[in-house]
Structure formats: structure tokens, C-alpha cells
Amino acid sequence: NNTDWHHCHFTLNLRKFQKDDAHELRNVRKFYLKWHKDDRAYCRELYCYDLFRRFGIWTAPYSSYCRLWIHVEGDSKAAYYGVYEMIEPVDDKFVEKRLDGMFEKEDGFLWKCVYGVNGPADLRTDGGNSAPYSKMNWDQDNGINYTYEFKGDEEDFEAAKIQLGDFMQKLNGKGDESFYKWINEVCDVNFMLKTYAVNVAVGMWDDHWNNGNNFYLYFNSTDKFDYKVYFLPYDYDNTLGTSLDCGVQSDSGRQDPYNWGDSGILMERLMKFEDFRKMYKDAFIELADPANALFDMDASVSRITTWQSMIKPYVSNDTGEDMGINDQPAYWGNHHEYRLMDKGSNNFFRVKTETINNMK
């Protein structure tokens, strides 16, 4: 009778204890349920994943709104937790669904890369031959965030570790001419730069380039040298004007897209080449062009308005938390003036588009 409910994130693993097809839901066995913890507008992460997919970035997870009830055994009724975000996990199923014309192979190695117990996931080797390996571990389901966490079977960890270590050594150690040739062989650079253009457009400051955080890498082969590597976007709730003073940044709306950070060496090296910089800029121009209805302010506001109208009747919930939709960044952020729905001078889409149009 005196239950004190609070919002939190959940993972639902339908096959945790029964590993068979009967314990799947439309070929889905696991998904994340995220409450809109720092997003009073109830839209930021969904907007970002939606924009990735509208822009052809098929490496982004699927996401959707959902309504969540939790019924604890013994209670007379379920507690209504309100509107949540439902997100596709990045795992072997994620890879399996993206084989035909995409990853092509599913016998590769997947890594989650975060600012973890061993420091930032900046892909730097720190000058030592053994340095990258000390930051790697396999997913032991123990609550520890390893900087580079292998999302595969323990018996494959050594081979995966050698492959990632070799990738990092080459990323750091090759001269410019050799690097240019090699990175074009192991990576679809144009696709990678289109991915990163979306990342920067939405103001993802807590990322690889600026903070060594929040991405996955998938190598589509177990071979040490013969593979394609893919950068997978991840964790976009603190975007669209919600930010902190971090790395080189104090304003995610006005920060120069060519100098987004000084942590992640992958983007630093790519930005040294004029043709790569052009690919990057061209992606921004395509995103910002009103004719494409992608990141343009009017198109973005219209999209978000539709979503908010859909969920508004269901936001009030039994926790008493996050009971309404408000057009404000998170309270702890460094730019409280940004807005998404108000089309005035502080509209994030307007400010970011002006920054994009000033790229040289």
C-alpha cells in the first residue's frame, strides 16, 4: 500500500533462462527499455536514431516508443511506469539482421567501446605495443564497464583481442600515405563519415572523438588482417542541446564540426585528408538542406510534434516523475537556453544549421 515507485532503465532478455525460439518475440530475444531520464522533451534519442536511418545509416539500432507496466507478484494491480523508449540491443542478433548487402558476414567480432574502468575508448595505443590489450576484456556480465568489451564467446576473446590490437596499432602507427591506403581497404570511409556527420549534427559530445565513449566496432571477419570494420552509433539521450563542458567543447551547437574533439584518433586522422573532409562536409550539407527534410528545423519540429502529440496522453504515470513534456535540456547541462520546438534564435536545429553552413 505504500510502494515508492521510481523510474529506471531495464533490459528484458526473453531467453535468459530458456534458450529456444519459443522464447522470442517476432525474432527479438532482448531489448532495452529506457526512461527519458534527462530528456523532458521525450524525443532526443528517438530523434537521433530515426535521423540515422532516414540518412541511410543502417548500422543504427531501431527504436520506438512503448508504454510500460510492472506487476510485482502479490500486488493487486500493475504499476504504470509511463512512456519508455524501446531500443534494439547491439549484439549477435543485431549483426544477423544486417547481413544481406550490409555486413555480409556474421562470423566476425563485436566490441562495445566506452569510457570505462581503463579510461577512454580513444583507440590510442599510448606508444606501447602491449598498451591496447590491457584495456580489453570480454563481457563477463559483472556490471563492470570495460573500455573495450568483447561481445562474443570467451573462447574467441584472444583472437578478437589480437585483431583489435592490430587495428589500433595500424591506426596509430602508419604514416599518412600508408594510412590512407589501408583505411580505404578496411573501412567504407564515406559511410563512416556520413555516420559521424549525423553524430556531430545532433550534438553528440559524449562520443569517440570528444570523450572516448559510446560506440561499437564490428569486424566482419575473424581474420587478423582481412576484414571490414564498421563504426556503430550508440547512446544518444544527451544530445540536441543537452551537453556539458567536456573535452574541447563548451557548446555542442556551435562547436566547429572539423574540430569536434581531441580524444578519438580515428576521426583526427581522417580529417587530415581533403577528400575525406569533403565527404564529411557534403554529408552535413545533405543533412541540412531543407529540400531533404532531414535535419532541417521545420522538418525536425514537425516530426517531433507528431511524436509528442501521440504520446502526450500516456506520459503521466504511477511514479509521479517526469509527468509532462517540456521543451528544455537536462537541468545539469551547460546550455539551458536551447529549445527544440520554439523556432526562435535558440532553436538547436537553427543554431546547428548555421554552424554547418559556415563550414569551410
Protein backbone atom coordinates (compact mmCIF):
# COMPACT_ATOMS: atom_id res chain seq x y z
CA ASN A 1 0.00 0.00 0.00
CA ASN A 2 2.97 2.33 0.49
CA THR A 3 5.06 1.40 -2.53
CA ASP A 4 7.57 4.06 -3.59
CA TRP A 5 7.99 3.56 -7.34
CA HIS A 6 10.83 5.22 -9.26
CA HIS A 7 11.85 5.26 -12.89
CA CYS A 8 14.92 3.35 -14.02
CA HIS A 9 16.23 1.60 -17.13
CA PHE A 10 15.52 -2.08 -17.80
CA THR A 11 16.77 -4.84 -20.04
CA LEU A 12 14.35 -7.60 -21.00
CA ASN A 13 16.09 -10.82 -22.01
CA LEU A 14 13.40 -13.27 -23.08
CA ARG A 15 15.93 -16.10 -23.49
CA LYS A 16 17.95 -15.61 -20.33
CA PHE A 17 16.81 -18.94 -18.87
CA GLN A 18 15.13 -20.70 -21.81
CA LYS A 19 17.34 -20.51 -24.90
CA ASP A 20 14.91 -21.58 -27.62
CA ASP A 21 12.90 -19.95 -30.38
CA ALA A 22 9.72 -20.16 -28.32
CA HIS A 23 11.18 -17.52 -26.02
CA GLU A 24 11.45 -14.86 -28.71
CA LEU A 25 9.02 -12.16 -29.74
CA ARG A 26 8.89 -11.70 -33.52
CA ASN A 27 12.52 -12.82 -33.79
CA VAL A 28 13.56 -10.50 -30.95
CA ARG A 29 15.05 -12.03 -27.82
CA LYS A 30 16.27 -8.95 -25.96
CA PHE A 31 15.55 -5.23 -25.85
CA TYR A 32 16.34 -2.21 -23.73
CA LEU A 33 13.69 -0.11 -22.02
CA LYS A 34 14.95 3.40 -21.24
CA TRP A 35 13.06 6.06 -19.35
CA HIS A 36 13.52 9.59 -20.58
CA LYS A 37 15.87 10.33 -17.71
CA ASP A 38 17.43 13.59 -18.90
CA ASP A 39 15.03 14.45 -21.68
CA ARG A 40 11.95 16.40 -20.67
CA ALA A 41 11.01 16.66 -24.34
CA TYR A 42 10.64 12.86 -24.61
CA CYS A 43 12.28 12.73 -28.04
CA ARG A 44 16.05 13.16 -28.19
CA GLU A 45 17.40 9.63 -28.58
CA LEU A 46 14.49 8.51 -30.76
CA TYR A 47 15.04 11.53 -33.00
CA CYS A 48 18.73 10.68 -33.39
CA TYR A 49 18.22 7.01 -34.27
CA ASP A 50 15.41 8.00 -36.63
CA LEU A 51 17.68 10.54 -38.34
CA PHE A 52 20.45 7.97 -38.77
CA ARG A 53 18.05 5.64 -40.52
CA ARG A 54 16.48 8.36 -42.68
CA PHE A 55 20.02 9.18 -43.81
CA GLY A 56 20.73 5.59 -44.80
CA ILE A 57 22.86 4.68 -41.78
CA TRP A 58 21.69 1.11 -41.35
CA THR A 59 24.19 0.48 -38.54
CA ALA A 60 21.96 2.45 -36.12
CA PRO A 61 19.65 0.49 -33.79
CA TYR A 62 15.91 0.50 -34.26
CA SER A 63 13.94 2.30 -31.56
CA SER A 64 10.34 3.07 -30.70
CA TYR A 65 8.10 4.45 -28.01
CA CYS A 66 6.31 1.99 -25.76
CA ARG A 67 4.18 2.02 -22.60
CA LEU A 68 5.43 0.07 -19.60
CA TRP A 69 3.61 -1.61 -16.72
CA ILE A 70 5.31 -3.63 -13.99
CA HIS A 71 3.28 -6.12 -11.98
CA VAL A 72 5.03 -7.40 -8.88
CA GLU A 73 3.65 -10.69 -7.62
CA GLY A 74 1.36 -10.06 -4.67
CA ASP A 75 0.32 -6.57 -5.71
CA SER A 76 -3.32 -6.04 -6.55
CA LYS A 77 -2.51 -4.39 -9.86
CA ALA A 78 0.38 -3.42 -12.10
CA ALA A 79 2.22 -0.13 -11.65
CA TYR A 80 2.13 2.07 -14.75
CA TYR A 81 5.60 3.43 -15.49
CA GLY A 82 4.57 5.65 -18.40
CA VAL A 83 6.15 6.17 -21.82
CA TYR A 84 9.50 4.48 -22.32
CA GLU A 85 11.90 4.12 -25.21
CA MET A 86 12.37 0.60 -26.56
CA ILE A 87 15.76 0.06 -28.24
CA GLU A 88 17.26 -2.78 -30.22
CA PRO A 89 20.42 -4.10 -28.50
CA VAL A 90 23.68 -4.25 -30.41
CA ASP A 91 24.55 -7.94 -30.25
CA ASP A 92 24.86 -11.02 -32.46
CA LYS A 93 21.17 -10.75 -33.42
CA PHE A 94 21.78 -7.14 -34.46
CA VAL A 95 24.54 -8.37 -36.79
CA GLU A 96 22.48 -11.30 -38.09
CA LYS A 97 19.66 -8.98 -39.18
CA ARG A 98 22.09 -6.85 -41.22
CA LEU A 99 23.86 -9.40 -43.36
CA ASP A 100 22.36 -9.22 -46.85
CA GLY A 101 24.01 -6.29 -48.61
CA MET A 102 25.25 -4.85 -45.31
CA PHE A 103 27.76 -6.60 -43.03
CA GLU A 104 27.81 -9.56 -45.47
CA LYS A 105 29.30 -11.85 -42.77
CA GLU A 106 28.24 -12.79 -39.26
CA ASP A 107 31.33 -14.68 -38.15
CA GLY A 108 33.13 -11.52 -37.08
CA PHE A 109 33.93 -9.82 -33.78
CA LEU A 110 31.84 -7.18 -32.00
CA TRP A 111 33.21 -4.73 -29.42
CA LYS A 112 31.47 -2.27 -27.12
CA CYS A 113 33.69 0.78 -26.59
CA VAL A 114 33.10 3.16 -23.65
CA TYR A 115 34.92 5.43 -21.23
CA GLY A 116 35.37 2.55 -18.81
CA VAL A 117 37.47 1.35 -15.90
CA ASN A 118 40.61 1.54 -18.05
CA GLY A 119 39.98 5.03 -19.35
CA PRO A 120 38.60 6.42 -22.63
CA ALA A 121 37.90 4.36 -25.75
CA ASP A 122 40.04 6.68 -27.86
CA LEU A 123 41.60 3.83 -29.91
CA ARG A 124 45.05 5.13 -28.99
CA THR A 125 47.92 2.77 -28.24
CA ASP A 126 49.78 5.21 -25.96
CA GLY A 127 53.01 4.32 -27.71
CA GLY A 128 53.42 0.82 -26.27
CA ASN A 129 52.99 -2.43 -28.17
CA SER A 130 51.03 -4.03 -25.31
CA ALA A 131 49.06 -0.94 -24.30
CA PRO A 132 45.80 -1.59 -26.20
CA TYR A 133 45.44 -5.14 -24.88
CA SER A 134 45.39 -4.03 -21.23
CA LYS A 135 42.10 -2.19 -21.87
CA MET A 136 40.32 -5.21 -23.37
CA ASN A 137 38.13 -7.79 -21.71
CA TRP A 138 35.20 -10.00 -22.58
CA ASP A 139 31.66 -9.36 -21.39
CA GLN A 140 31.51 -11.16 -18.05
CA ASP A 141 28.06 -9.81 -17.12
CA ASN A 142 29.51 -8.49 -13.86
CA GLY A 143 28.45 -4.84 -14.06
CA ILE A 144 31.93 -3.59 -14.90
CA ASN A 145 32.28 -1.31 -17.93
CA TYR A 146 35.49 -2.38 -19.63
CA THR A 147 36.91 0.16 -22.08
CA TYR A 148 36.88 -2.36 -24.92
CA GLU A 149 34.41 -5.14 -24.10
CA PHE A 150 34.21 -8.13 -26.41
CA LYS A 151 30.58 -9.13 -27.04
CA GLY A 152 31.26 -12.72 -28.03
CA ASP A 153 32.17 -16.09 -26.57
CA GLU A 154 35.06 -16.23 -24.13
CA GLU A 155 36.87 -18.82 -26.24
CA ASP A 156 37.07 -16.30 -29.12
CA PHE A 157 38.41 -13.48 -26.96
CA GLU A 158 42.11 -14.00 -27.67
CA ALA A 159 41.65 -13.96 -31.45
CA ALA A 160 39.39 -10.92 -31.22
CA LYS A 161 41.87 -9.13 -28.95
CA ILE A 162 44.71 -9.71 -31.39
CA GLN A 163 42.62 -8.38 -34.28
CA LEU A 164 41.52 -5.21 -32.45
CA GLY A 165 45.05 -4.65 -31.18
CA ASP A 166 46.46 -4.90 -34.68
CA PHE A 167 43.81 -2.47 -35.95
CA MET A 168 44.75 0.04 -33.25
CA GLN A 169 48.48 -0.34 -33.89
CA LYS A 170 48.00 0.42 -37.58
CA LEU A 171 45.57 3.24 -36.87
CA ASN A 172 48.17 4.88 -34.65
CA GLY A 173 51.42 3.87 -36.29
CA LYS A 174 51.02 4.13 -40.06
CA GLY A 175 52.35 7.14 -41.94
CA ASP A 176 49.82 9.30 -43.76
CA GLU A 177 50.18 7.71 -47.21
CA SER A 178 50.11 4.17 -45.83
CA PHE A 179 47.20 5.02 -43.52
CA TYR A 180 45.16 6.46 -46.41
CA LYS A 181 45.56 3.29 -48.47
CA TRP A 182 44.92 0.97 -45.51
CA ILE A 183 41.83 2.72 -44.11
CA ASN A 184 40.18 2.65 -47.55
CA GLU A 185 40.78 -1.11 -47.64
CA VAL A 186 39.37 -1.95 -44.20
CA CYS A 187 36.60 0.66 -43.95
CA ASP A 188 33.88 2.23 -46.09
CA VAL A 189 35.19 5.71 -45.31
CA ASN A 190 32.35 7.61 -46.95
CA PHE A 191 29.76 5.64 -44.96
CA MET A 192 31.79 6.15 -41.78
CA LEU A 193 31.92 9.91 -42.35
CA LYS A 194 28.20 10.09 -43.10
CA THR A 195 27.62 8.29 -39.81
CA TYR A 196 29.80 10.75 -37.98
CA ALA A 197 28.18 13.74 -39.63
CA VAL A 198 24.85 12.71 -38.08
CA ASN A 199 26.64 12.16 -34.77
CA VAL A 200 28.00 15.71 -34.81
CA ALA A 201 24.85 17.31 -36.25
CA VAL A 202 22.76 16.11 -33.30
CA GLY A 203 25.37 17.39 -30.87
CA MET A 204 26.66 14.05 -29.54
CA TRP A 205 29.52 15.41 -27.41
CA ASP A 206 29.96 12.27 -25.26
CA ASP A 207 31.38 10.31 -28.18
CA HIS A 208 34.56 8.74 -29.51
CA TRP A 209 36.09 11.92 -30.89
CA ASN A 210 35.48 14.25 -27.93
CA ASN A 211 35.34 11.94 -24.91
CA GLY A 212 36.40 8.43 -25.96
CA ASN A 213 32.95 7.00 -25.29
CA ASN A 214 29.75 5.37 -26.58
CA PHE A 215 30.25 3.37 -29.78
CA TYR A 216 30.60 -0.18 -31.05
CA LEU A 217 33.04 -1.63 -33.57
CA TYR A 218 32.17 -4.64 -35.68
CA PHE A 219 34.83 -6.53 -37.66
CA ASN A 220 33.04 -8.67 -40.24
CA SER A 221 35.70 -11.39 -40.25
CA THR A 222 37.73 -13.31 -37.69
CA ASP A 223 40.85 -12.94 -39.84
CA LYS A 224 43.52 -10.77 -38.25
CA PHE A 225 44.03 -8.67 -41.38
CA ASP A 226 41.24 -9.39 -43.88
CA TYR A 227 38.05 -7.64 -42.69
CA LYS A 228 35.82 -4.60 -42.97
CA VAL A 229 35.37 -2.59 -39.78
CA TYR A 230 32.13 -0.71 -39.02
CA PHE A 231 31.51 2.10 -36.54
CA LEU A 232 28.12 1.63 -34.84
CA PRO A 233 26.42 4.62 -33.15
CA TYR A 234 25.15 4.15 -29.61
CA ASP A 235 23.56 6.07 -26.66
CA TYR A 236 22.06 9.36 -27.86
CA ASP A 237 19.90 10.59 -24.98
CA ASN A 238 22.19 13.54 -24.11
CA THR A 239 22.02 15.35 -27.44
CA LEU A 240 20.16 18.18 -29.21
CA GLY A 241 21.40 20.84 -26.80
CA THR A 242 21.84 18.74 -23.66
CA SER A 243 25.58 18.89 -23.04
CA LEU A 244 28.42 19.55 -20.61
CA ASP A 245 31.78 21.29 -20.80
CA CYS A 246 33.76 18.27 -21.94
CA GLY A 247 36.92 17.73 -23.96
CA VAL A 248 37.37 20.67 -26.32
CA GLN A 249 33.67 21.59 -26.16
CA SER A 250 31.56 24.12 -24.34
CA ASP A 251 28.72 24.43 -26.90
CA SER A 252 27.59 21.41 -28.92
CA GLY A 253 25.52 23.65 -31.20
CA ARG A 254 28.32 25.98 -32.26
CA GLN A 255 31.42 23.77 -31.99
CA ASP A 256 33.37 23.52 -35.27
CA PRO A 257 32.45 20.14 -36.84
CA TYR A 258 36.03 19.79 -38.14
CA ASN A 259 37.37 20.10 -34.59
CA TRP A 260 34.77 18.19 -32.64
CA GLY A 261 37.26 16.69 -30.20
CA ASP A 262 40.85 15.74 -29.47
CA SER A 263 40.35 12.30 -27.94
CA GLY A 264 39.43 9.86 -30.71
CA ILE A 265 42.34 9.26 -33.05
CA LEU A 266 40.22 7.69 -35.81
CA MET A 267 38.44 10.93 -36.70
CA GLU A 268 41.57 13.00 -36.10
CA ARG A 269 43.43 11.02 -38.74
CA LEU A 270 40.56 11.03 -41.23
CA MET A 271 40.26 14.82 -41.03
CA LYS A 272 43.83 15.26 -42.30
CA PHE A 273 42.81 14.38 -45.86
CA GLU A 274 41.00 16.87 -48.07
CA ASP A 275 38.87 14.30 -49.89
CA PHE A 276 37.72 12.85 -46.56
CA ARG A 277 36.93 16.33 -45.26
CA LYS A 278 34.86 16.94 -48.39
CA MET A 279 32.90 13.71 -47.87
CA TYR A 280 32.25 14.81 -44.30
CA LYS A 281 31.13 18.31 -45.29
CA ASP A 282 28.97 17.02 -48.14
CA ALA A 283 27.13 14.80 -45.64
CA PHE A 284 26.36 17.82 -43.46
CA ILE A 285 25.11 19.83 -46.43
CA GLU A 286 22.80 17.00 -47.40
CA LEU A 287 21.50 16.73 -43.84
CA ALA A 288 20.82 20.46 -43.54
CA ASP A 289 19.24 21.01 -46.96
CA PRO A 290 15.53 21.81 -46.35
CA ALA A 291 14.62 20.01 -49.58
CA ASN A 292 15.70 16.70 -47.99
CA ALA A 293 13.54 17.13 -44.83
CA LEU A 294 16.23 15.52 -42.65
CA PHE A 295 17.85 17.84 -40.08
CA ASP A 296 16.13 20.99 -41.30
CA MET A 297 14.40 22.86 -38.44
CA ASP A 298 10.90 22.86 -39.90
CA ALA A 299 11.03 19.16 -40.79
CA SER A 300 12.52 18.24 -37.41
CA VAL A 301 9.99 20.26 -35.42
CA SER A 302 7.12 18.77 -37.41
CA ARG A 303 8.40 15.25 -36.80
CA ILE A 304 8.84 15.76 -33.05
CA THR A 305 5.46 17.49 -32.74
CA THR A 306 3.78 14.44 -34.26
CA TRP A 307 5.52 12.11 -31.82
CA GLN A 308 4.78 14.26 -28.79
CA SER A 309 1.10 14.51 -29.74
CA MET A 310 0.99 10.73 -29.96
CA ILE A 311 2.47 10.06 -26.52
CA LYS A 312 1.19 13.05 -24.53
CA PRO A 313 -1.96 11.32 -23.16
CA TYR A 314 0.18 8.49 -21.74
CA VAL A 315 3.08 10.35 -20.07
CA SER A 316 1.51 10.72 -16.59
CA ASN A 317 2.44 7.66 -14.54
CA ASP A 318 2.40 5.98 -11.11
CA THR A 319 5.93 7.08 -10.15
CA GLY A 320 4.94 10.75 -10.11
CA GLU A 321 8.15 11.50 -12.01
CA ASP A 322 8.50 13.06 -15.47
CA MET A 323 4.80 13.75 -15.62
CA GLY A 324 4.80 16.17 -18.55
CA ILE A 325 6.52 17.07 -21.81
CA ASN A 326 8.71 20.19 -21.57
CA ASP A 327 10.95 21.82 -24.16
CA GLN A 328 14.10 22.08 -22.05
CA PRO A 329 17.52 20.42 -21.94
CA ALA A 330 18.57 18.45 -18.86
CA TYR A 331 18.84 20.53 -15.68
CA TRP A 332 22.54 19.63 -15.24
CA GLY A 333 23.57 20.82 -18.72
CA ASN A 334 25.67 23.83 -19.60
CA HIS A 335 23.25 25.43 -22.12
CA HIS A 336 19.80 25.77 -20.63
CA GLU A 337 18.73 28.18 -23.37
CA TYR A 338 18.45 25.63 -26.17
CA ARG A 339 14.98 24.69 -27.38
CA LEU A 340 13.67 22.15 -29.89
CA MET A 341 10.09 23.26 -30.53
CA ASP A 342 10.44 27.05 -30.22
CA LYS A 343 11.72 28.23 -33.61
CA GLY A 344 13.42 31.33 -32.21
CA SER A 345 17.13 32.17 -32.12
CA ASN A 346 17.85 29.47 -29.50
CA ASN A 347 16.36 26.63 -31.51
CA PHE A 348 19.04 23.93 -31.60
CA PHE A 349 18.30 22.92 -35.19
CA ARG A 350 18.57 26.56 -36.30
CA VAL A 351 21.85 27.13 -34.46
CA LYS A 352 23.39 23.89 -35.71
CA THR A 353 22.34 24.55 -39.30
CA GLU A 354 24.05 27.96 -39.15
CA THR A 355 27.20 26.22 -37.89
CA ILE A 356 27.00 23.72 -40.76
CA ASN A 357 26.51 26.45 -43.35
CA ASN A 358 29.67 28.19 -42.07
CA MET A 359 31.87 25.12 -42.65
CA LYS A 360 34.81 25.96 -44.97
